[in-house]
Every structure is written in C-alpha cells, then in structure tokens.
Amino acid sequence: MRHLIRKCPKCASYTLKYSCEKCKVPSIDAHPAKYSPDDKYARYRIADRYIQSEEVSDSESLKVDNENSL
C-alpha cells in the first residue's frame, strides 16, 4: 500500500506532494517500513536511507558553495 503523507527531510514539515512547497526539497515517506526479524532485505533499506540522507546534505552543501562563489 502506498502512503499518502510525506515529510520534508530539511524543514521537517509534512506534505502530500513529492517535493516540499517551502524549500523545494524532495520529500520522503513519513511512515516507517514494516519490521520483521526474518527480513532478508533490511540491510538494503538501511543503506538506501543512508544514501538518501547523504544526497540531501550534498545538495545543501552545493547550494552554499554556489552562493559563496557569487
């Protein structure tokens, strides 16, 4: 089942859209993944979440670098 409510990782506001209306950052699913002790793919979900958080922080640092170069 697809979840409707999403959360902005930058400003922590909730939205129904795929990007935050305030800061224009792509929103993420606000609901936690189902937990199962026998889950074979938990390692991949955790790695994916880590990569997504790095992308958000990298995009923020690029904006700061671009503003400083002007």
C-alpha atoms as a PDB file:
ATOM      1  CA  MET A   1       0.000   0.000   0.000  1.00  0.00           C
ATOM      2  CA  ARG A   2       1.259   3.450  -0.879  1.00  0.00           C
ATOM      3  CA  HIS A   3       1.344   6.007   1.877  1.00  0.00           C
ATOM      4  CA  LEU A   4      -0.025   9.447   1.150  1.00  0.00           C
ATOM      5  CA  ILE A   5       1.649  11.612   3.753  1.00  0.00           C
ATOM      6  CA  ARG A   6       5.280  12.559   3.166  1.00  0.00           C
ATOM      7  CA  LYS A   7       7.856  14.510   5.169  1.00  0.00           C
ATOM      8  CA  CYS A   8      10.473  17.045   4.153  1.00  0.00           C
ATOM      9  CA  PRO A   9      13.916  15.986   5.427  1.00  0.00           C
ATOM     10  CA  LYS A  10      15.154  19.586   5.514  1.00  0.00           C
ATOM     11  CA  CYS A  11      12.419  21.552   7.307  1.00  0.00           C
ATOM     12  CA  ALA A  12      10.535  18.575   8.863  1.00  0.00           C
ATOM     13  CA  SER A  13       7.151  19.720   7.562  1.00  0.00           C
ATOM     14  CA  TYR A  14       4.545  17.243   6.331  1.00  0.00           C
ATOM     15  CA  THR A  15       3.025  17.334   2.859  1.00  0.00           C
ATOM     16  CA  LEU A  16       1.061  15.252   0.382  1.00  0.00           C
ATOM     17  CA  LYS A  17       3.289  16.268  -2.526  1.00  0.00           C
ATOM     18  CA  TYR A  18       6.531  14.711  -3.739  1.00  0.00           C
ATOM     19  CA  SER A  19       8.501  17.885  -3.008  1.00  0.00           C
ATOM     20  CA  CYS A  20       8.298  20.364  -0.150  1.00  0.00           C
ATOM     21  CA  GLU A  21       6.438  23.557  -1.025  1.00  0.00           C
ATOM     22  CA  LYS A  22       8.560  25.665   1.346  1.00  0.00           C
ATOM     23  CA  CYS A  23      12.105  24.604   0.495  1.00  0.00           C
ATOM     24  CA  LYS A  24      11.613  22.635  -2.793  1.00  0.00           C
ATOM     25  CA  VAL A  25      13.461  19.551  -1.465  1.00  0.00           C
ATOM     26  CA  PRO A  26      12.134  16.105  -2.472  1.00  0.00           C
ATOM     27  CA  SER A  27      10.005  14.695   0.349  1.00  0.00           C
ATOM     28  CA  ILE A  28      10.352  11.200   1.799  1.00  0.00           C
ATOM     29  CA  ASP A  29       7.826   8.681   3.051  1.00  0.00           C
ATOM     30  CA  ALA A  30       6.835   9.569   6.632  1.00  0.00           C
ATOM     31  CA  HIS A  31       5.871   6.029   7.594  1.00  0.00           C
ATOM     32  CA  PRO A  32       8.438   3.520   8.866  1.00  0.00           C
ATOM     33  CA  ALA A  33       8.996   0.304   6.975  1.00  0.00           C
ATOM     34  CA  LYS A  34       7.384  -2.861   8.290  1.00  0.00           C
ATOM     35  CA  TYR A  35       9.648  -4.755  10.651  1.00  0.00           C
ATOM     36  CA  SER A  36      10.215  -8.470  10.544  1.00  0.00           C
ATOM     37  CA  PRO A  37      13.043 -10.264  12.365  1.00  0.00           C
ATOM     38  CA  ASP A  38      13.427 -12.586   9.356  1.00  0.00           C
ATOM     39  CA  ASP A  39      13.721  -9.718   6.866  1.00  0.00           C
ATOM     40  CA  LYS A  40      16.392 -10.523   4.281  1.00  0.00           C
ATOM     41  CA  TYR A  41      16.399  -7.025   2.767  1.00  0.00           C
ATOM     42  CA  ALA A  42      16.688  -4.797   5.860  1.00  0.00           C
ATOM     43  CA  ARG A  43      20.368  -4.204   5.112  1.00  0.00           C
ATOM     44  CA  TYR A  44      19.498  -2.759   1.689  1.00  0.00           C
ATOM     45  CA  ARG A  45      16.743  -0.491   3.034  1.00  0.00           C
ATOM     46  CA  ILE A  46      19.083   0.911   5.673  1.00  0.00           C
ATOM     47  CA  ALA A  47      21.787   1.514   3.059  1.00  0.00           C
ATOM     48  CA  ASP A  48      19.259   3.233   0.781  1.00  0.00           C
ATOM     49  CA  ARG A  49      18.133   5.527   3.601  1.00  0.00           C
ATOM     50  CA  TYR A  50      21.779   6.413   4.330  1.00  0.00           C
ATOM     51  CA  ILE A  51      22.406   7.251   0.658  1.00  0.00           C
ATOM     52  CA  GLN A  52      19.271   9.428   0.506  1.00  0.00           C
ATOM     53  CA  SER A  53      20.338  11.405   3.574  1.00  0.00           C
ATOM     54  CA  GLU A  54      23.792  11.950   2.031  1.00  0.00           C
ATOM     55  CA  GLU A  55      22.203  13.246  -1.190  1.00  0.00           C
ATOM     56  CA  VAL A  56      20.168  15.798   0.755  1.00  0.00           C
ATOM     57  CA  SER A  57      23.220  17.002   2.689  1.00  0.00           C
ATOM     58  CA  ASP A  58      25.301  17.119  -0.524  1.00  0.00           C
ATOM     59  CA  SER A  59      22.675  19.229  -2.284  1.00  0.00           C
ATOM     60  CA  GLU A  60      22.635  21.632   0.678  1.00  0.00           C
ATOM     61  CA  SER A  61      26.427  21.992   0.582  1.00  0.00           C
ATOM     62  CA  LEU A  62      26.324  22.640  -3.183  1.00  0.00           C
ATOM     63  CA  LYS A  63      23.839  25.464  -2.640  1.00  0.00           C
ATOM     64  CA  VAL A  64      26.117  27.020  -0.024  1.00  0.00           C
ATOM     65  CA  ASP A  65      29.143  26.700  -2.330  1.00  0.00           C
ATOM     66  CA  ASN A  66      27.232  28.317  -5.211  1.00  0.00           C
ATOM     67  CA  GLU A  67      26.094  31.202  -3.017  1.00  0.00           C
ATOM     68  CA  ASN A  68      29.649  31.794  -1.790  1.00  0.00           C
ATOM     69  CA  SER A  69      31.028  31.886  -5.338  1.00  0.00           C
ATOM     70  CA  LEU A  70      28.685  34.716  -6.344  1.00  0.00           C
END
